[in-house]
């Protein structure tokens, strides 16, 4: 269950972050409400996951998955270009999360 909570936290954070662009500096109500709700849900479910998952491991997974998903959304939705160094960096972040999950004894 803690990893389900963490997945919900990641998705909520990605939704909130994706809506940031549409707020136009928090001058548009509905996108701003999506951002606030997204981050609220994200932090709530992150806190639930921390009951069982060590904070360092949870945060590494949360931030790493978030970076990868936001980059994917930026590429697909906002048509942002990704060059080779950006892709290499994202792959290193994902590899780091995999190493933590597979080889570390510090996770639940």
N, C-alpha and C. Protein backbone atom coordinates (compact mmCIF):
# COMPACT_ATOMS: atom_id res chain seq x y z
N UNK A 1 0.80 -1.20 0.00
CA UNK A 1 0.00 0.00 0.00
C UNK A 1 0.86 1.28 0.00
N UNK A 2 2.02 1.30 0.67
CA UNK A 2 2.80 2.54 0.67
C UNK A 2 3.27 2.93 -0.73
N UNK A 3 3.55 1.95 -1.58
CA UNK A 3 3.98 2.29 -2.93
C UNK A 3 2.82 2.77 -3.80
N UNK A 4 1.60 2.33 -3.49
CA UNK A 4 0.42 2.88 -4.16
C UNK A 4 0.25 4.35 -3.76
N UNK A 5 0.41 4.63 -2.47
CA UNK A 5 0.35 6.03 -2.00
C UNK A 5 1.41 6.88 -2.69
N UNK A 6 2.59 6.33 -2.82
CA UNK A 6 3.67 7.06 -3.48
C UNK A 6 3.34 7.30 -4.95
N UNK A 7 2.76 6.33 -5.62
CA UNK A 7 2.38 6.49 -7.02
C UNK A 7 1.32 7.57 -7.18
N UNK A 8 0.35 7.59 -6.27
CA UNK A 8 -0.68 8.64 -6.30
C UNK A 8 -0.03 10.00 -6.08
N UNK A 9 0.91 10.08 -5.15
CA UNK A 9 1.62 11.33 -4.89
C UNK A 9 2.36 11.81 -6.12
N UNK A 10 3.01 10.89 -6.81
CA UNK A 10 3.76 11.24 -8.02
C UNK A 10 2.81 11.76 -9.10
N UNK A 11 1.72 11.05 -9.33
CA UNK A 11 0.77 11.47 -10.36
C UNK A 11 0.15 12.83 -10.03
N UNK A 12 -0.21 13.04 -8.77
CA UNK A 12 -0.80 14.32 -8.37
C UNK A 12 0.20 15.46 -8.55
N UNK A 13 1.46 15.22 -8.22
CA UNK A 13 2.49 16.24 -8.38
C UNK A 13 2.72 16.55 -9.86
N UNK A 14 2.68 15.53 -10.69
CA UNK A 14 2.86 15.73 -12.13
C UNK A 14 1.68 16.53 -12.71
N UNK A 15 0.48 16.24 -12.26
CA UNK A 15 -0.69 17.01 -12.70
C UNK A 15 -0.57 18.46 -12.26
N UNK A 16 -0.22 18.67 -11.00
CA UNK A 16 -0.05 20.04 -10.50
C UNK A 16 1.03 20.80 -11.24
N UNK A 17 2.16 20.17 -11.45
CA UNK A 17 3.26 20.83 -12.15
C UNK A 17 2.91 21.10 -13.61
N UNK A 18 2.23 20.17 -14.24
CA UNK A 18 1.82 20.37 -15.63
C UNK A 18 0.86 21.54 -15.79
N UNK A 19 0.04 21.78 -14.78
CA UNK A 19 -0.93 22.88 -14.84
C UNK A 19 -0.29 24.24 -14.56
N UNK A 20 0.93 24.25 -14.02
CA UNK A 20 1.58 25.53 -13.68
C UNK A 20 1.68 26.47 -14.87
N UNK A 21 2.01 25.94 -16.02
CA UNK A 21 2.17 26.77 -17.21
C UNK A 21 0.87 27.49 -17.56
N UNK A 22 -0.24 26.81 -17.38
CA UNK A 22 -1.55 27.37 -17.73
C UNK A 22 -2.04 28.43 -16.74
N UNK A 23 -1.40 28.55 -15.58
CA UNK A 23 -1.85 29.55 -14.60
C UNK A 23 -1.48 30.97 -15.01
N UNK A 24 -0.49 31.11 -15.89
CA UNK A 24 0.01 32.43 -16.29
C UNK A 24 0.34 33.26 -15.05
N UNK A 25 1.20 32.69 -14.20
CA UNK A 25 1.61 33.39 -12.98
C UNK A 25 0.51 33.46 -11.93
N UNK A 26 -0.32 32.44 -11.87
CA UNK A 26 -1.46 32.34 -10.95
C UNK A 26 -2.47 33.46 -11.17
N UNK A 27 -2.63 33.87 -12.42
CA UNK A 27 -3.64 34.88 -12.75
C UNK A 27 -4.90 34.24 -13.32
N UNK A 28 -4.88 32.94 -13.56
CA UNK A 28 -6.06 32.22 -14.06
C UNK A 28 -6.52 31.25 -12.98
N UNK A 29 -7.81 31.37 -12.62
CA UNK A 29 -8.35 30.66 -11.46
C UNK A 29 -8.29 29.14 -11.59
N UNK A 30 -8.88 28.56 -12.63
CA UNK A 30 -9.02 27.11 -12.68
C UNK A 30 -7.69 26.37 -12.75
N UNK A 31 -6.78 26.80 -13.60
CA UNK A 31 -5.48 26.12 -13.57
C UNK A 31 -4.77 26.29 -12.22
N UNK A 32 -4.95 27.44 -11.59
CA UNK A 32 -4.34 27.67 -10.27
C UNK A 32 -4.91 26.72 -9.24
N UNK A 33 -6.21 26.47 -9.31
CA UNK A 33 -6.84 25.52 -8.39
C UNK A 33 -6.34 24.10 -8.63
N UNK A 34 -6.11 23.75 -9.89
CA UNK A 34 -5.55 22.43 -10.21
C UNK A 34 -4.16 22.28 -9.60
N UNK A 35 -3.34 23.34 -9.68
CA UNK A 35 -2.00 23.31 -9.10
C UNK A 35 -2.07 23.11 -7.59
N UNK A 36 -2.89 23.91 -6.92
CA UNK A 36 -2.99 23.82 -5.46
C UNK A 36 -3.52 22.44 -5.05
N UNK A 37 -4.56 21.97 -5.72
CA UNK A 37 -5.12 20.65 -5.40
C UNK A 37 -4.10 19.55 -5.69
N UNK A 38 -3.42 19.64 -6.82
CA UNK A 38 -2.43 18.63 -7.17
C UNK A 38 -1.33 18.52 -6.13
N UNK A 39 -0.79 19.66 -5.72
CA UNK A 39 0.27 19.62 -4.71
C UNK A 39 -0.27 19.20 -3.35
N UNK A 40 -1.49 19.61 -3.02
CA UNK A 40 -2.08 19.17 -1.75
C UNK A 40 -2.23 17.66 -1.69
N UNK A 41 -2.78 17.08 -2.75
CA UNK A 41 -2.94 15.63 -2.82
C UNK A 41 -1.57 14.95 -2.81
N UNK A 42 -0.63 15.52 -3.56
CA UNK A 42 0.71 14.93 -3.64
C UNK A 42 1.37 14.85 -2.26
N UNK A 43 1.35 15.95 -1.53
CA UNK A 43 2.01 15.94 -0.22
C UNK A 43 1.26 15.07 0.79
N UNK A 44 -0.05 15.03 0.69
CA UNK A 44 -0.81 14.17 1.59
C UNK A 44 -0.43 12.70 1.38
N UNK A 45 -0.46 12.25 0.11
CA UNK A 45 -0.14 10.85 -0.16
C UNK A 45 1.33 10.54 0.03
N UNK A 46 2.20 11.52 -0.21
CA UNK A 46 3.61 11.32 0.11
C UNK A 46 3.77 11.08 1.61
N UNK A 47 3.06 11.85 2.41
CA UNK A 47 3.15 11.68 3.86
C UNK A 47 2.64 10.30 4.30
N UNK A 48 1.61 9.79 3.62
CA UNK A 48 1.12 8.45 3.95
C UNK A 48 2.16 7.39 3.59
N UNK A 49 2.83 7.58 2.46
CA UNK A 49 3.85 6.59 2.06
C UNK A 49 5.03 6.58 3.02
N UNK A 50 5.29 7.73 3.66
CA UNK A 50 6.43 7.82 4.58
C UNK A 50 6.22 7.06 5.88
N UNK A 51 5.03 6.54 6.10
CA UNK A 51 4.81 5.68 7.26
C UNK A 51 5.61 4.39 7.15
N UNK A 52 5.88 3.95 5.91
CA UNK A 52 6.57 2.68 5.70
C UNK A 52 7.85 2.78 4.89
N UNK A 53 7.95 3.80 4.05
CA UNK A 53 9.11 3.95 3.18
C UNK A 53 10.02 5.01 3.77
N UNK A 54 11.32 4.75 3.89
CA UNK A 54 12.24 5.78 4.40
C UNK A 54 12.18 7.04 3.54
N UNK A 55 12.29 8.19 4.18
CA UNK A 55 12.10 9.46 3.48
C UNK A 55 13.07 9.64 2.31
N UNK A 56 14.31 9.23 2.47
CA UNK A 56 15.27 9.39 1.39
C UNK A 56 14.91 8.57 0.17
N UNK A 57 14.46 7.36 0.39
CA UNK A 57 14.06 6.47 -0.70
C UNK A 57 12.78 6.99 -1.36
N UNK A 58 11.80 7.36 -0.55
CA UNK A 58 10.53 7.87 -1.09
C UNK A 58 10.77 9.14 -1.90
N UNK A 59 11.59 10.03 -1.38
CA UNK A 59 11.83 11.29 -2.09
C UNK A 59 12.61 11.06 -3.38
N UNK A 60 13.55 10.14 -3.36
CA UNK A 60 14.30 9.82 -4.58
C UNK A 60 13.37 9.28 -5.66
N UNK A 61 12.48 8.39 -5.29
CA UNK A 61 11.53 7.84 -6.26
C UNK A 61 10.56 8.92 -6.72
N UNK A 62 10.03 9.69 -5.77
CA UNK A 62 9.05 10.74 -6.08
C UNK A 62 9.65 11.78 -7.02
N UNK A 63 10.81 12.27 -6.69
CA UNK A 63 11.40 13.32 -7.52
C UNK A 63 11.90 12.76 -8.85
N UNK A 64 12.51 11.59 -8.84
CA UNK A 64 13.02 11.00 -10.08
C UNK A 64 11.91 10.67 -11.06
N UNK A 65 10.86 10.04 -10.58
CA UNK A 65 9.73 9.72 -11.45
C UNK A 65 9.04 10.99 -11.91
N UNK A 66 8.94 11.96 -11.02
CA UNK A 66 8.33 13.24 -11.38
C UNK A 66 9.09 13.94 -12.49
N UNK A 67 10.41 13.99 -12.38
CA UNK A 67 11.23 14.63 -13.41
C UNK A 67 11.04 13.93 -14.75
N UNK A 68 11.07 12.61 -14.74
CA UNK A 68 10.92 11.86 -15.99
C UNK A 68 9.54 12.08 -16.60
N UNK A 69 8.50 12.03 -15.80
CA UNK A 69 7.14 12.21 -16.32
C UNK A 69 6.89 13.64 -16.80
N UNK A 70 7.38 14.62 -16.05
CA UNK A 70 7.21 16.03 -16.47
C UNK A 70 7.96 16.28 -17.77
N UNK A 71 9.13 15.70 -17.91
CA UNK A 71 9.88 15.85 -19.15
C UNK A 71 9.11 15.22 -20.32
N UNK A 72 8.53 14.06 -20.10
CA UNK A 72 7.74 13.40 -21.13
C UNK A 72 6.53 14.26 -21.51
N UNK A 73 5.84 14.82 -20.52
CA UNK A 73 4.69 15.69 -20.79
C UNK A 73 5.14 16.95 -21.53
N UNK A 74 6.27 17.52 -21.11
CA UNK A 74 6.79 18.69 -21.82
C UNK A 74 7.05 18.40 -23.28
N UNK A 75 7.58 17.23 -23.54
CA UNK A 75 7.88 16.83 -24.92
C UNK A 75 6.60 16.56 -25.71
N UNK A 76 5.67 15.79 -25.13
CA UNK A 76 4.46 15.40 -25.85
C UNK A 76 3.41 16.52 -25.94
N UNK A 77 3.18 17.20 -24.83
CA UNK A 77 2.09 18.17 -24.77
C UNK A 77 2.55 19.57 -25.16
N UNK A 78 3.68 20.01 -24.61
CA UNK A 78 4.15 21.37 -24.83
C UNK A 78 5.16 21.47 -25.98
N UNK A 79 5.42 20.33 -26.65
CA UNK A 79 6.32 20.28 -27.81
C UNK A 79 7.72 20.83 -27.52
N UNK A 80 8.20 20.57 -26.30
CA UNK A 80 9.55 20.99 -25.93
C UNK A 80 10.54 19.98 -26.49
N UNK A 81 11.64 20.48 -26.99
CA UNK A 81 12.65 19.62 -27.59
C UNK A 81 13.57 19.06 -26.51
N UNK A 82 13.98 17.83 -26.72
CA UNK A 82 14.93 17.18 -25.82
C UNK A 82 16.19 16.85 -26.60
N UNK A 83 17.31 17.34 -26.11
CA UNK A 83 18.57 17.01 -26.77
C UNK A 83 19.22 15.81 -26.06
N UNK A 84 20.33 15.36 -26.61
CA UNK A 84 21.00 14.17 -26.07
C UNK A 84 21.42 14.34 -24.61
N UNK A 85 22.00 15.49 -24.20
CA UNK A 85 22.36 15.63 -22.79
C UNK A 85 21.14 15.56 -21.85
N UNK A 86 20.01 16.14 -22.27
CA UNK A 86 18.80 16.08 -21.45
C UNK A 86 18.33 14.64 -21.29
N UNK A 87 18.31 13.92 -22.39
CA UNK A 87 17.89 12.51 -22.33
C UNK A 87 18.85 11.68 -21.48
N UNK A 88 20.15 11.93 -21.62
CA UNK A 88 21.13 11.20 -20.81
C UNK A 88 20.93 11.49 -19.33
N UNK A 89 20.69 12.75 -18.99
CA UNK A 89 20.45 13.11 -17.59
C UNK A 89 19.23 12.43 -17.02
N UNK A 90 18.16 12.40 -17.79
CA UNK A 90 16.93 11.76 -17.33
C UNK A 90 17.15 10.26 -17.16
N UNK A 91 17.86 9.65 -18.09
CA UNK A 91 18.16 8.22 -17.95
C UNK A 91 19.00 7.94 -16.71
N UNK A 92 19.92 8.84 -16.38
CA UNK A 92 20.71 8.67 -15.15
C UNK A 92 19.84 8.79 -13.90
N UNK A 93 18.87 9.70 -13.93
CA UNK A 93 17.95 9.83 -12.79
C UNK A 93 17.14 8.55 -12.63
N UNK A 94 16.58 8.05 -13.72
CA UNK A 94 15.81 6.81 -13.66
C UNK A 94 16.69 5.65 -13.22
N UNK A 95 17.92 5.60 -13.72
CA UNK A 95 18.84 4.54 -13.30
C UNK A 95 19.12 4.62 -11.81
N UNK A 96 19.25 5.81 -11.28
CA UNK A 96 19.47 5.98 -9.85
C UNK A 96 18.31 5.45 -9.03
N UNK A 97 17.10 5.71 -9.46
CA UNK A 97 15.92 5.19 -8.76
C UNK A 97 15.90 3.67 -8.83
N UNK A 98 16.23 3.11 -9.98
CA UNK A 98 16.26 1.64 -10.11
C UNK A 98 17.32 1.05 -9.19
N UNK A 99 18.49 1.66 -9.12
CA UNK A 99 19.56 1.17 -8.25
C UNK A 99 19.09 1.17 -6.79
N UNK A 100 18.43 2.25 -6.37
CA UNK A 100 17.92 2.31 -5.00
C UNK A 100 16.94 1.17 -4.75
N UNK A 101 16.01 0.98 -5.68
CA UNK A 101 14.99 -0.04 -5.50
C UNK A 101 15.56 -1.46 -5.52
N UNK A 102 16.49 -1.71 -6.39
CA UNK A 102 16.97 -3.08 -6.57
C UNK A 102 18.08 -3.45 -5.59
N UNK A 103 18.98 -2.51 -5.33
CA UNK A 103 20.19 -2.87 -4.58
C UNK A 103 20.26 -2.33 -3.15
N UNK A 104 19.45 -1.35 -2.80
CA UNK A 104 19.55 -0.75 -1.49
C UNK A 104 18.76 -1.55 -0.45
N UNK A 105 19.33 -1.68 0.72
CA UNK A 105 18.61 -2.32 1.84
C UNK A 105 17.82 -1.30 2.64
N UNK A 106 17.86 -0.04 2.23
CA UNK A 106 17.20 1.02 3.00
C UNK A 106 15.75 1.23 2.66
N UNK A 107 15.18 0.43 1.78
CA UNK A 107 13.76 0.63 1.45
C UNK A 107 12.91 -0.44 2.11
N UNK A 108 11.60 -0.13 2.15
CA UNK A 108 10.66 -1.02 2.86
C UNK A 108 10.52 -2.36 2.16
